[in-house]
């Protein structure tokens, strides 16, 4: 941990009786640059990315179980998975959360490619 100016411990428990998970973090910023509130904000932001992107790629697209080994094919499939995930987030805008899951997105669009073309070419408004 050469260069670390701070070390922090994050304890988290999922559910009332869940097992306590302890994570150690290190930072090269001083306490003036990175206070406790900022540590927490950054850790929550990291988990937001994990939950929105990586979990979807692992659970829905089964990226970790992919048997593709050619580096170009792996890169291309990764790009398409991430594009699909980005389009899913646009598609989910305004839908009830339980009806806008990644599984719903895939089921609806797997055999309706014209819907994908419509989504890609449509103007996005929020």
Protein backbone atom coordinates (compact mmCIF):
# COMPACT_ATOMS: atom_id res chain seq x y z
CA UNK A 1 0.00 0.00 0.00
CA UNK A 2 2.79 2.35 -0.89
CA UNK A 3 1.52 5.89 -1.33
CA UNK A 4 -1.64 5.37 0.74
CA UNK A 5 -2.40 8.39 2.93
CA UNK A 6 -5.64 7.03 4.35
CA UNK A 7 -7.16 3.66 5.08
CA UNK A 8 -10.88 3.20 5.71
CA UNK A 9 -13.07 0.31 6.75
CA UNK A 10 -16.61 -0.08 5.43
CA UNK A 11 -18.92 -2.48 7.28
CA UNK A 12 -22.10 -3.49 5.52
CA UNK A 13 -24.87 -5.89 6.35
CA UNK A 14 -27.47 -6.87 3.79
CA UNK A 15 -30.79 -7.49 5.52
CA UNK A 16 -31.49 -7.47 9.25
CA UNK A 17 -29.72 -10.77 9.92
CA UNK A 18 -27.28 -10.78 7.04
CA UNK A 19 -23.63 -11.57 7.49
CA UNK A 20 -21.41 -8.59 8.27
CA UNK A 21 -19.09 -7.83 5.35
CA UNK A 22 -16.02 -5.78 6.09
CA UNK A 23 -14.16 -4.02 3.27
CA UNK A 24 -10.90 -2.14 3.57
CA UNK A 25 -10.18 0.82 1.30
CA UNK A 26 -7.00 2.80 0.70
CA UNK A 27 -6.59 6.25 -0.82
CA UNK A 28 -3.71 8.44 -1.83
CA UNK A 29 -5.64 11.60 -0.88
CA UNK A 30 -5.21 13.42 2.41
CA UNK A 31 -8.05 13.80 4.93
CA UNK A 32 -8.55 17.38 3.73
CA UNK A 33 -9.11 16.15 0.18
CA UNK A 34 -11.18 13.12 1.15
CA UNK A 35 -13.28 13.35 4.30
CA UNK A 36 -15.62 10.67 5.70
CA UNK A 37 -18.66 11.91 3.78
CA UNK A 38 -16.73 11.83 0.49
CA UNK A 39 -15.45 8.30 1.23
CA UNK A 40 -19.04 7.16 1.72
CA UNK A 41 -20.28 8.95 -1.40
CA UNK A 42 -17.55 7.35 -3.54
CA UNK A 43 -18.22 3.89 -2.12
CA UNK A 44 -21.97 4.23 -2.77
CA UNK A 45 -21.26 5.46 -6.29
CA UNK A 46 -19.03 2.44 -6.92
CA UNK A 47 -21.79 0.08 -5.83
CA UNK A 48 -24.28 1.94 -8.03
CA UNK A 49 -22.09 1.18 -11.05
CA UNK A 50 -21.72 -2.42 -9.92
CA UNK A 51 -25.47 -2.88 -9.54
CA UNK A 52 -26.53 -1.09 -12.74
CA UNK A 53 -23.93 -2.40 -15.16
CA UNK A 54 -21.78 -5.25 -13.95
CA UNK A 55 -24.57 -7.19 -12.27
CA UNK A 56 -26.66 -6.98 -15.44
CA UNK A 57 -23.75 -8.12 -17.58
CA UNK A 58 -22.99 -11.00 -15.21
CA UNK A 59 -26.52 -12.15 -14.35
CA UNK A 60 -28.56 -11.40 -17.48
CA UNK A 61 -25.99 -11.61 -20.25
CA UNK A 62 -23.92 -14.24 -18.39
CA UNK A 63 -20.74 -12.47 -19.39
CA UNK A 64 -18.61 -14.34 -16.84
CA UNK A 65 -19.79 -17.67 -18.27
CA UNK A 66 -19.05 -16.75 -21.87
CA UNK A 67 -17.04 -19.43 -23.67
CA UNK A 68 -15.83 -17.04 -26.35
CA UNK A 69 -12.04 -16.92 -26.19
CA UNK A 70 -10.93 -15.04 -29.31
CA UNK A 71 -9.95 -11.55 -28.20
CA UNK A 72 -11.69 -9.75 -31.08
CA UNK A 73 -14.91 -11.71 -30.63
CA UNK A 74 -14.83 -11.06 -26.88
CA UNK A 75 -14.43 -7.32 -27.46
CA UNK A 76 -17.22 -7.17 -30.05
CA UNK A 77 -19.64 -9.17 -27.88
CA UNK A 78 -18.78 -6.95 -24.91
CA UNK A 79 -19.59 -3.84 -26.94
CA UNK A 80 -22.94 -5.29 -28.03
CA UNK A 81 -23.83 -6.33 -24.48
CA UNK A 82 -23.05 -2.84 -23.18
CA UNK A 83 -25.01 -1.23 -26.02
CA UNK A 84 -27.97 -3.47 -25.22
CA UNK A 85 -27.66 -2.51 -21.55
CA UNK A 86 -27.59 1.21 -22.43
CA UNK A 87 -30.64 0.82 -24.70
CA UNK A 88 -32.42 -1.06 -21.90
CA UNK A 89 -31.93 1.92 -19.58
CA UNK A 90 -33.46 4.25 -22.17
CA UNK A 91 -36.31 1.80 -22.78
CA UNK A 92 -37.01 1.57 -19.02
CA UNK A 93 -37.62 5.31 -18.61
CA UNK A 94 -41.20 5.84 -17.47
CA UNK A 95 -41.96 2.14 -16.99
CA UNK A 96 -42.78 0.67 -13.58
CA UNK A 97 -39.62 -0.79 -12.09
CA UNK A 98 -40.96 -4.34 -11.96
CA UNK A 99 -41.85 -4.21 -15.65
CA UNK A 100 -38.53 -2.77 -16.79
CA UNK A 101 -36.01 -5.45 -15.87
CA UNK A 102 -33.22 -6.64 -18.11
CA UNK A 103 -35.03 -9.96 -18.53
CA UNK A 104 -38.15 -8.09 -19.73
CA UNK A 105 -36.00 -6.08 -22.14
CA UNK A 106 -34.43 -9.19 -23.65
CA UNK A 107 -37.71 -11.13 -23.84
CA UNK A 108 -39.48 -8.24 -25.56
CA UNK A 109 -36.74 -7.53 -28.08
CA UNK A 110 -35.05 -10.84 -28.83
CA UNK A 111 -37.31 -11.59 -31.79
CA UNK A 112 -38.51 -8.03 -32.51
CA UNK A 113 -35.46 -6.44 -34.05
CA UNK A 114 -37.54 -3.69 -35.64
CA UNK A 115 -38.23 -2.41 -32.10
CA UNK A 116 -34.47 -2.05 -31.57
CA UNK A 117 -34.10 -0.08 -34.79
CA UNK A 118 -36.97 2.16 -33.69
CA UNK A 119 -35.37 2.68 -30.28
CA UNK A 120 -31.97 3.51 -31.80
CA UNK A 121 -33.38 6.00 -34.30
CA UNK A 122 -35.89 7.63 -31.95
CA UNK A 123 -35.08 10.93 -30.25
CA UNK A 124 -34.56 10.51 -26.51
CA UNK A 125 -36.30 13.00 -24.23
CA UNK A 126 -36.32 12.98 -20.45
